[in-house]
Structures are given as C-alpha cells and as structure tokens.
Amino acid sequence: MKRAIYPGTFDPFTNGHLDIVQRATALFDKIIVTIAKNSSKDPLFTTEERIDMIRESTAYLQSVQVDSFEGLLVNYAKQKNASVVIRGLRMISDFEYEFQMALMNRKIADDIETVFLMPDERYTYLSSSIVREIAQLGGDCSPFVPLHIEKRLKEKYST
C-alpha cells in the first residue's frame, strides 16, 4: 500500500488544495492531509478548525485522512508509514523553495520521495493568503474555497 503525506498550513484549505488531493487519490492508496504546526506563523483558524474544514471538504474521498504534526516532516512520514510527500506547484516561483525542501528531506531520509503535482490551471494563482485578504475585505470567496469554508471565513471576519 502506497501512503502519501500532503503537508501544509491550509489556512484556509482552498479549491486548489482540494484539487491536489483529488489528483493524489488517483496515484496513492492513502493520502494523509496533515497540518504542519508552525510556531512562526499566526494562523487565522486553529488547528482543530482547519482539521474540521479539511475533513468536511474531503469526506467523499475514502482514501483521505486528516491529521496534524509538529517537528520534522520526514519523521512524521515515517511514523505514518508514508513513503511519499506530495507538494503542489502553482507557479515556477514555487519550485525553487519546494526543490530545496525536497532535497533537504531526501538528505535526512532518502527513503522518502517528494512528488510535485500541479493543480488545474484555474487554481495556479490561488493561495490561502489571497483568500484571507479577499475575505477580510468583504469580497466573494465562493470561487476559491468550498462553501462551508467560505461561511467560516465570513464568520471570522464579521467579529
């Protein structure tokens, strides 16, 4: 059984993220979408809120599990018996950072591969930070996130 980890902050989980997960389910038996807890970031949503939103977004995908972790990604992958890390590439500008991270992960754990997936072209410009900014300014986020996440964004910014 091929297990893959799809790590990220997912603050919030966008249609671009969902597109990557859907593509990954065609390639791997099990996908673990995992929230990387990063003390240097100040997320809008709590880890628990993000887990709930991702679970609701992926509920129809039987092979998807949602989790969170702290520490080194490769250690978490080993703990979960995953041999692949999935990373989404939207633009060429993403590649340099992602390539560097993939090489560092390989140096630490050469038995874990990184697979880069490109989202549908509709989502190449999409990022969580742009979605948060649109929501904060009262814009329409419906083309960018699942409906239940759009509702949560409106709730966050209406208080």
N, C-alpha and C. Protein backbone atom coordinates (compact mmCIF):
# COMPACT_ATOMS: atom_id res chain seq x y z
N MET A 1 0.84 -1.18 0.00
CA MET A 1 0.00 0.00 0.00
C MET A 1 0.89 1.25 0.00
N LYS A 2 0.69 2.13 -0.96
CA LYS A 2 1.45 3.38 -1.06
C LYS A 2 0.73 4.49 -0.31
N ARG A 3 1.37 4.98 0.74
CA ARG A 3 0.83 6.08 1.52
C ARG A 3 1.59 7.36 1.19
N ALA A 4 0.86 8.44 1.14
CA ALA A 4 1.47 9.74 0.87
C ALA A 4 0.98 10.76 1.88
N ILE A 5 1.85 11.70 2.18
CA ILE A 5 1.54 12.80 3.08
C ILE A 5 1.42 14.06 2.23
N TYR A 6 0.37 14.84 2.47
CA TYR A 6 0.23 16.14 1.83
C TYR A 6 0.24 17.19 2.95
N PRO A 7 1.41 17.76 3.25
CA PRO A 7 1.51 18.71 4.35
C PRO A 7 1.26 20.15 3.91
N GLY A 8 0.82 20.95 4.85
CA GLY A 8 0.65 22.36 4.57
C GLY A 8 0.05 23.07 5.76
N THR A 9 -0.06 24.38 5.66
CA THR A 9 -0.69 25.16 6.70
C THR A 9 -2.21 25.15 6.51
N PHE A 10 -2.63 25.21 5.25
CA PHE A 10 -4.05 25.11 4.90
C PHE A 10 -4.91 26.09 5.70
N ASP A 11 -4.54 27.38 5.64
CA ASP A 11 -5.24 28.40 6.42
C ASP A 11 -5.80 29.50 5.54
N PRO A 12 -6.89 29.24 4.84
CA PRO A 12 -7.74 28.05 4.86
C PRO A 12 -7.40 27.08 3.72
N PHE A 13 -8.05 25.94 3.75
CA PHE A 13 -7.99 24.92 2.70
C PHE A 13 -8.76 25.46 1.50
N THR A 14 -8.11 25.52 0.34
CA THR A 14 -8.72 26.13 -0.85
C THR A 14 -9.13 25.06 -1.87
N ASN A 15 -9.80 25.50 -2.91
CA ASN A 15 -10.14 24.59 -4.01
C ASN A 15 -8.88 24.08 -4.70
N GLY A 16 -7.81 24.85 -4.68
CA GLY A 16 -6.54 24.39 -5.24
C GLY A 16 -5.97 23.23 -4.43
N HIS A 17 -6.04 23.33 -3.10
CA HIS A 17 -5.60 22.23 -2.24
C HIS A 17 -6.45 20.99 -2.52
N LEU A 18 -7.75 21.19 -2.60
CA LEU A 18 -8.66 20.06 -2.85
C LEU A 18 -8.34 19.41 -4.20
N ASP A 19 -8.03 20.20 -5.19
CA ASP A 19 -7.66 19.67 -6.50
C ASP A 19 -6.42 18.77 -6.41
N ILE A 20 -5.43 19.20 -5.64
CA ILE A 20 -4.22 18.39 -5.45
C ILE A 20 -4.58 17.07 -4.75
N VAL A 21 -5.41 17.13 -3.74
CA VAL A 21 -5.81 15.91 -3.02
C VAL A 21 -6.53 14.96 -3.98
N GLN A 22 -7.45 15.47 -4.77
CA GLN A 22 -8.17 14.62 -5.73
C GLN A 22 -7.20 13.97 -6.71
N ARG A 23 -6.24 14.71 -7.20
CA ARG A 23 -5.25 14.15 -8.13
C ARG A 23 -4.42 13.06 -7.45
N ALA A 24 -4.06 13.30 -6.20
CA ALA A 24 -3.24 12.35 -5.46
C ALA A 24 -3.97 11.03 -5.20
N THR A 25 -5.29 11.09 -5.03
CA THR A 25 -6.03 9.85 -4.76
C THR A 25 -5.98 8.89 -5.94
N ALA A 26 -5.72 9.40 -7.11
CA ALA A 26 -5.58 8.52 -8.29
C ALA A 26 -4.20 7.85 -8.33
N LEU A 27 -3.26 8.36 -7.54
CA LEU A 27 -1.89 7.86 -7.57
C LEU A 27 -1.50 7.02 -6.35
N PHE A 28 -2.16 7.27 -5.23
CA PHE A 28 -1.77 6.62 -3.98
C PHE A 28 -2.98 5.98 -3.30
N ASP A 29 -2.71 4.92 -2.54
CA ASP A 29 -3.79 4.20 -1.85
C ASP A 29 -4.34 5.00 -0.68
N LYS A 30 -3.48 5.74 -0.01
CA LYS A 30 -3.88 6.51 1.16
C LYS A 30 -3.19 7.86 1.12
N ILE A 31 -3.95 8.91 1.37
CA ILE A 31 -3.43 10.27 1.43
C ILE A 31 -3.69 10.80 2.84
N ILE A 32 -2.65 11.29 3.48
CA ILE A 32 -2.82 11.92 4.78
C ILE A 32 -2.57 13.41 4.58
N VAL A 33 -3.65 14.18 4.63
CA VAL A 33 -3.54 15.64 4.56
C VAL A 33 -3.22 16.07 5.98
N THR A 34 -2.06 16.69 6.16
CA THR A 34 -1.62 16.99 7.52
C THR A 34 -1.23 18.45 7.67
N ILE A 35 -1.73 19.02 8.73
CA ILE A 35 -1.45 20.43 9.02
C ILE A 35 -0.14 20.51 9.78
N ALA A 36 0.77 21.27 9.21
CA ALA A 36 2.07 21.49 9.84
C ALA A 36 1.91 22.62 10.85
N LYS A 37 2.10 22.30 12.10
CA LYS A 37 2.03 23.33 13.14
C LYS A 37 3.35 24.10 13.11
N ASN A 38 3.26 25.39 12.84
CA ASN A 38 4.44 26.23 12.67
C ASN A 38 4.34 27.40 13.64
N SER A 39 5.20 27.42 14.63
CA SER A 39 5.14 28.46 15.65
C SER A 39 5.47 29.85 15.12
N SER A 40 6.08 29.93 13.94
CA SER A 40 6.42 31.23 13.37
C SER A 40 5.26 31.86 12.61
N LYS A 41 4.19 31.09 12.42
CA LYS A 41 3.01 31.63 11.73
C LYS A 41 1.90 31.87 12.74
N ASP A 42 1.05 32.83 12.42
CA ASP A 42 -0.10 33.15 13.26
C ASP A 42 -1.36 32.89 12.43
N PRO A 43 -1.85 31.65 12.42
CA PRO A 43 -2.97 31.31 11.54
C PRO A 43 -4.29 31.95 11.97
N LEU A 44 -5.14 32.16 11.00
CA LEU A 44 -6.49 32.69 11.25
C LEU A 44 -7.33 31.64 11.98
N PHE A 45 -7.25 30.39 11.51
CA PHE A 45 -8.03 29.30 12.08
C PHE A 45 -7.14 28.43 12.98
N THR A 46 -7.73 27.89 14.03
CA THR A 46 -7.00 26.97 14.89
C THR A 46 -6.72 25.68 14.12
N THR A 47 -5.80 24.89 14.64
CA THR A 47 -5.51 23.59 14.03
C THR A 47 -6.77 22.74 13.97
N GLU A 48 -7.53 22.72 15.05
CA GLU A 48 -8.76 21.92 15.10
C GLU A 48 -9.78 22.39 14.07
N GLU A 49 -9.91 23.70 13.90
CA GLU A 49 -10.84 24.24 12.90
C GLU A 49 -10.40 23.83 11.49
N ARG A 50 -9.11 23.91 11.23
CA ARG A 50 -8.61 23.53 9.91
C ARG A 50 -8.80 22.04 9.66
N ILE A 51 -8.56 21.22 10.67
CA ILE A 51 -8.80 19.78 10.52
C ILE A 51 -10.26 19.53 10.17
N ASP A 52 -11.17 20.17 10.90
CA ASP A 52 -12.61 20.00 10.62
C ASP A 52 -12.97 20.43 9.20
N MET A 53 -12.43 21.56 8.76
CA MET A 53 -12.74 22.06 7.42
C MET A 53 -12.23 21.12 6.34
N ILE A 54 -11.02 20.59 6.53
CA ILE A 54 -10.45 19.67 5.54
C ILE A 54 -11.22 18.36 5.54
N ARG A 55 -11.58 17.86 6.72
CA ARG A 55 -12.37 16.62 6.78
C ARG A 55 -13.70 16.78 6.04
N GLU A 56 -14.35 17.90 6.27
CA GLU A 56 -15.63 18.13 5.58
C GLU A 56 -15.42 18.25 4.06
N SER A 57 -14.34 18.89 3.66
CA SER A 57 -14.05 19.07 2.23
C SER A 57 -13.72 17.77 1.53
N THR A 58 -13.13 16.83 2.25
CA THR A 58 -12.65 15.58 1.64
C THR A 58 -13.47 14.36 2.06
N ALA A 59 -14.60 14.57 2.72
CA ALA A 59 -15.38 13.45 3.26
C ALA A 59 -15.77 12.42 2.20
N TYR A 60 -15.96 12.84 0.98
CA TYR A 60 -16.35 11.93 -0.11
C TYR A 60 -15.18 11.12 -0.66
N LEU A 61 -13.97 11.41 -0.23
CA LEU A 61 -12.77 10.71 -0.68
C LEU A 61 -12.37 9.69 0.39
N GLN A 62 -12.69 8.43 0.18
CA GLN A 62 -12.49 7.38 1.17
C GLN A 62 -11.04 7.18 1.58
N SER A 63 -10.11 7.46 0.70
CA SER A 63 -8.69 7.18 0.98
C SER A 63 -7.98 8.34 1.67
N VAL A 64 -8.72 9.38 2.06
CA VAL A 64 -8.10 10.56 2.66
C VAL A 64 -8.32 10.59 4.17
N GLN A 65 -7.23 10.86 4.87
CA GLN A 65 -7.25 11.02 6.32
C GLN A 65 -6.71 12.41 6.60
N VAL A 66 -7.12 13.04 7.70
CA VAL A 66 -6.65 14.38 8.05
C VAL A 66 -6.01 14.33 9.43
N ASP A 67 -4.89 15.02 9.58
CA ASP A 67 -4.12 14.97 10.82
C ASP A 67 -3.33 16.27 10.95
N SER A 68 -2.53 16.35 12.00
CA SER A 68 -1.60 17.47 12.18
C SER A 68 -0.32 16.93 12.80
N PHE A 69 0.74 17.71 12.68
CA PHE A 69 2.02 17.28 13.25
C PHE A 69 2.89 18.47 13.60
N GLU A 70 3.86 18.22 14.47
CA GLU A 70 4.91 19.18 14.79
C GLU A 70 6.24 18.48 14.55
N GLY A 71 7.25 19.24 14.22
CA GLY A 71 8.57 18.67 14.05
C GLY A 71 8.91 18.42 12.60
N LEU A 72 9.86 17.53 12.38
CA LEU A 72 10.33 17.25 11.02
C LEU A 72 9.31 16.43 10.25
N LEU A 73 9.03 16.86 9.06
CA LEU A 73 8.08 16.17 8.20
C LEU A 73 8.49 14.72 7.93
N VAL A 74 9.76 14.49 7.67
CA VAL A 74 10.20 13.12 7.35
C VAL A 74 10.01 12.19 8.54
N ASN A 75 10.17 12.70 9.75
CA ASN A 75 9.91 11.87 10.93
C ASN A 75 8.43 11.52 11.03
N TYR A 76 7.59 12.50 10.75
CA TYR A 76 6.14 12.25 10.77
C TYR A 76 5.78 11.24 9.68
N ALA A 77 6.35 11.40 8.49
CA ALA A 77 6.06 10.47 7.39
C ALA A 77 6.43 9.04 7.79
N LYS A 78 7.58 8.88 8.40
CA LYS A 78 8.00 7.53 8.85
C LYS A 78 7.04 6.98 9.90
N GLN A 79 6.63 7.83 10.80
CA GLN A 79 5.69 7.43 11.85
C GLN A 79 4.38 6.92 11.24
N LYS A 80 3.98 7.52 10.13
CA LYS A 80 2.73 7.16 9.46
C LYS A 80 2.93 6.11 8.36
N ASN A 81 4.14 5.60 8.24
CA ASN A 81 4.48 4.61 7.20
C ASN A 81 4.20 5.13 5.80
N ALA A 82 4.47 6.41 5.60
CA ALA A 82 4.30 7.04 4.29
C ALA A 82 5.66 7.12 3.60
N SER A 83 5.69 6.82 2.33
CA SER A 83 6.94 6.85 1.58
C SER A 83 7.02 8.02 0.61
N VAL A 84 5.96 8.84 0.56
CA VAL A 84 5.90 9.94 -0.39
C VAL A 84 5.36 11.20 0.29
N VAL A 85 5.97 12.33 -0.06
CA VAL A 85 5.47 13.64 0.34
C VAL A 85 4.94 14.30 -0.93
N ILE A 86 3.73 14.78 -0.87
CA ILE A 86 3.11 15.48 -2.01
C ILE A 86 3.25 16.98 -1.78
N ARG A 87 3.67 17.67 -2.83
CA ARG A 87 3.74 19.12 -2.78
C ARG A 87 3.09 19.67 -4.04
N GLY A 88 2.31 20.69 -3.88
CA GLY A 88 1.68 21.34 -5.01
C GLY A 88 2.56 22.45 -5.55
N LEU A 89 2.63 22.54 -6.85
CA LEU A 89 3.37 23.63 -7.51
C LEU A 89 2.40 24.44 -8.35
N ARG A 90 2.24 25.70 -8.01
CA ARG A 90 1.34 26.57 -8.78
C ARG A 90 2.09 27.30 -9.87
N MET A 91 3.17 27.89 -9.49
CA MET A 91 3.95 28.72 -10.41
C MET A 91 5.41 28.29 -10.34
N ILE A 92 6.17 28.71 -11.29
CA ILE A 92 7.60 28.40 -11.30
C ILE A 92 8.27 28.97 -10.05
N SER A 93 7.74 30.07 -9.53
CA SER A 93 8.31 30.67 -8.33
C SER A 93 8.21 29.75 -7.12
N ASP A 94 7.25 28.83 -7.09
CA ASP A 94 7.13 27.85 -6.01
C ASP A 94 8.26 26.82 -6.07
N PHE A 95 8.76 26.57 -7.27
CA PHE A 95 9.65 25.44 -7.48
C PHE A 95 10.96 25.55 -6.69
N GLU A 96 11.57 26.71 -6.67
CA GLU A 96 12.88 26.84 -6.01
C GLU A 96 12.81 26.44 -4.54
N TYR A 97 11.84 26.98 -3.82
CA TYR A 97 11.69 26.65 -2.41
C TYR A 97 11.34 25.17 -2.23
N GLU A 98 10.39 24.68 -3.00
CA GLU A 98 9.96 23.29 -2.88
C GLU A 98 11.09 22.32 -3.24
N PHE A 99 11.87 22.66 -4.24
CA PHE A 99 13.02 21.84 -4.64
C PHE A 99 14.03 21.76 -3.51
N GLN A 100 14.31 22.90 -2.90
CA GLN A 100 15.24 22.94 -1.78
C GLN A 100 14.75 22.07 -0.63
N MET A 101 13.47 22.18 -0.30
CA MET A 101 12.91 21.37 0.79
C MET A 101 12.95 19.88 0.45
N ALA A 102 12.64 19.54 -0.78
CA ALA A 102 12.66 18.13 -1.20
C ALA A 102 14.07 17.55 -1.08
N LEU A 103 15.07 18.32 -1.49
CA LEU A 103 16.45 17.85 -1.39
C LEU A 103 16.89 17.71 0.07
N MET A 104 16.47 18.63 0.90
CA MET A 104 16.81 18.55 2.33
C MET A 104 16.14 17.33 2.96
N ASN A 105 14.87 17.11 2.62
CA ASN A 105 14.18 15.93 3.15
C ASN A 105 14.86 14.65 2.68
N ARG A 106 15.30 14.62 1.44
CA ARG A 106 15.99 13.44 0.91
C ARG A 106 17.31 13.22 1.65
N LYS A 107 17.99 14.30 1.97
CA LYS A 107 19.26 14.19 2.70
C LYS A 107 19.04 13.58 4.09
N ILE A 108 17.93 13.96 4.72
CA ILE A 108 17.61 13.46 6.06
C ILE A 108 17.07 12.03 6.00
N ALA A 109 16.23 11.77 5.01
CA ALA A 109 15.57 10.46 4.90
C ALA A 109 15.46 10.10 3.41
N ASP A 110 16.45 9.38 2.91
CA ASP A 110 16.49 9.10 1.47
C ASP A 110 15.47 8.06 1.01
N ASP A 111 14.72 7.48 1.94
CA ASP A 111 13.68 6.53 1.58
C ASP A 111 12.31 7.18 1.39
N ILE A 112 12.26 8.50 1.54
CA ILE A 112 11.01 9.23 1.35
C ILE A 112 11.16 10.13 0.13
N GLU A 113 10.28 9.94 -0.84
CA GLU A 113 10.31 10.70 -2.09
C GLU A 113 9.35 11.88 -2.01
N THR A 114 9.64 12.91 -2.77
CA THR A 114 8.72 14.03 -2.93
C THR A 114 8.16 13.99 -4.34
N VAL A 115 6.84 14.12 -4.43
CA VAL A 115 6.16 14.15 -5.72
C VAL A 115 5.50 15.52 -5.85
N PHE A 116 5.79 16.20 -6.95
CA PHE A 116 5.19 17.51 -7.21
C PHE A 116 3.98 17.34 -8.11
N LEU A 117 2.86 17.92 -7.70
CA LEU A 117 1.64 17.89 -8.51
C LEU A 117 1.22 19.32 -8.82
N MET A 118 0.79 19.51 -10.03
CA MET A 118 0.28 20.83 -10.44
C MET A 118 -1.23 20.82 -10.36
N PRO A 119 -1.81 21.88 -9.82
CA PRO A 119 -3.27 21.95 -9.79
C PRO A 119 -3.82 22.29 -11.18
N ASP A 120 -5.09 22.16 -11.31
CA ASP A 120 -5.77 22.62 -12.52
C ASP A 120 -5.39 24.09 -12.74
N GLU A 121 -5.26 24.49 -13.97
CA GLU A 121 -4.82 25.86 -14.28
C GLU A 121 -5.72 26.92 -13.65
N ARG A 122 -6.98 26.57 -13.36
CA ARG A 122 -7.89 27.53 -12.70
C ARG A 122 -7.38 27.97 -11.33
N TYR A 123 -6.49 27.17 -10.73
CA TYR A 123 -6.04 27.44 -9.37
C TYR A 123 -4.58 27.86 -9.26
N THR A 124 -3.93 28.10 -10.37
CA THR A 124 -2.49 28.40 -10.31
C THR A 124 -2.20 29.73 -9.62
N TYR A 125 -3.11 30.63 -9.57
CA TYR A 125 -2.91 31.93 -8.93
C TYR A 125 -3.40 31.94 -7.49
N LEU A 126 -4.03 30.87 -7.06
CA LEU A 126 -4.75 30.83 -5.79
C LEU A 126 -3.83 30.49 -4.62
N SER A 127 -3.96 31.24 -3.54
CA SER A 127 -3.24 30.93 -2.31
C SER A 127 -4.14 31.25 -1.12
N SER A 128 -3.84 30.61 0.00
CA SER A 128 -4.62 30.86 1.21
C SER A 128 -4.54 32.31 1.64
N SER A 129 -3.36 32.92 1.51
CA SER A 129 -3.21 34.31 1.94
C SER A 129 -4.07 35.25 1.09
N ILE A 130 -4.17 34.99 -0.20
CA ILE A 130 -5.03 35.81 -1.06
C ILE A 130 -6.49 35.63 -0.66
N VAL A 131 -6.89 34.39 -0.38
CA VAL A 131 -8.27 34.12 0.04
C VAL A 131 -8.58 34.86 1.34
N ARG A 132 -7.66 34.81 2.30
CA ARG A 132 -7.88 35.52 3.57
C ARG A 132 -8.05 37.02 3.33
N GLU A 133 -7.22 37.59 2.46
CA GLU A 133 -7.31 39.02 2.18
C GLU A 133 -8.64 39.38 1.53
N ILE A 134 -9.07 38.58 0.57
CA ILE A 134 -10.37 38.83 -0.07
C ILE A 134 -11.48 38.78 0.96
N ALA A 135 -11.45 37.76 1.82
CA ALA A 135 -12.49 37.61 2.85
C ALA A 135 -12.46 38.78 3.83
N GLN A 136 -11.26 39.18 4.24
CA GLN A 136 -11.12 40.28 5.20
C GLN A 136 -11.69 41.58 4.64
N LEU A 137 -11.56 41.76 3.32
CA LEU A 137 -12.06 42.98 2.68
C LEU A 137 -13.51 42.86 2.22
N GLY A 138 -14.17 41.76 2.61
CA GLY A 138 -15.58 41.58 2.31
C GLY A 138 -15.87 41.07 0.91
N GLY A 139 -14.86 40.54 0.22
CA GLY A 139 -15.06 40.04 -1.14
C GLY A 139 -15.69 38.65 -1.17
N ASP A 140 -16.03 38.23 -2.36
CA ASP A 140 -16.66 36.93 -2.59
C ASP A 140 -15.58 35.85 -2.72
N CYS A 141 -15.55 34.92 -1.80
CA CYS A 141 -14.56 33.83 -1.81
C CYS A 141 -15.12 32.54 -2.39
N SER A 142 -16.37 32.57 -2.82
CA SER A 142 -17.02 31.32 -3.27
C SER A 142 -16.30 30.62 -4.43
N PRO A 143 -15.63 31.34 -5.34
CA PRO A 143 -14.92 30.60 -6.40
C PRO A 143 -13.62 29.93 -5.93
N PHE A 144 -13.19 30.23 -4.71
CA PHE A 144 -11.86 29.83 -4.27
C PHE A 144 -11.82 28.77 -3.18
N VAL A 145 -12.91 28.62 -2.44
CA VAL A 145 -12.96 27.67 -1.33
C VAL A 145 -14.30 26.96 -1.32
N PRO A 146 -14.37 25.76 -0.71
CA PRO A 146 -15.67 25.11 -0.55
C PRO A 146 -16.62 26.00 0.26
N LEU A 147 -17.91 25.83 0.04
CA LEU A 147 -18.94 26.68 0.64
C LEU A 147 -18.83 26.75 2.17
N HIS A 148 -18.61 25.60 2.83
CA HIS A 148 -18.54 25.62 4.29
C HIS A 148 -17.34 26.42 4.80
N ILE A 149 -16.29 26.49 4.02
CA ILE A 149 -15.11 27.29 4.41
C ILE A 149 -15.38 28.77 4.16
N GLU A 150 -16.09 29.07 3.08
CA GLU A 150 -16.48 30.47 2.84
C GLU A 150 -17.30 30.99 4.01
N LYS A 151 -18.22 30.18 4.53
CA LYS A 151 -19.05 30.59 5.68
C LYS A 151 -18.19 30.86 6.90
N ARG A 152 -17.19 29.99 7.12
CA ARG A 152 -16.30 30.18 8.28
C ARG A 152 -15.45 31.44 8.13
N LEU A 153 -15.03 31.72 6.91
CA LEU A 153 -14.26 32.97 6.69
C LEU A 153 -15.11 34.19 7.00
N LYS A 154 -16.36 34.17 6.55
CA LYS A 154 -17.27 35.29 6.83
C LYS A 154 -17.47 35.44 8.32
N GLU A 155 -17.62 34.33 9.04
CA GLU A 155 -17.80 34.38 10.50
C GLU A 155 -16.56 34.98 11.17
N LYS A 156 -15.39 34.57 10.75
CA LYS A 156 -14.15 35.07 11.35
C LYS A 156 -14.00 36.58 11.19
N TYR A 157 -14.34 37.06 10.00
CA TYR A 157 -14.10 38.46 9.72
C TYR A 157 -15.28 39.35 10.06
N SER A 158 -16.41 38.78 10.49
CA SER A 158 -17.55 39.61 10.88
C SER A 158 -17.50 39.98 12.36
N THR A 159 -16.57 39.39 13.09
CA THR A 159 -16.48 39.68 14.53
C THR A 159 -15.52 40.80 14.84
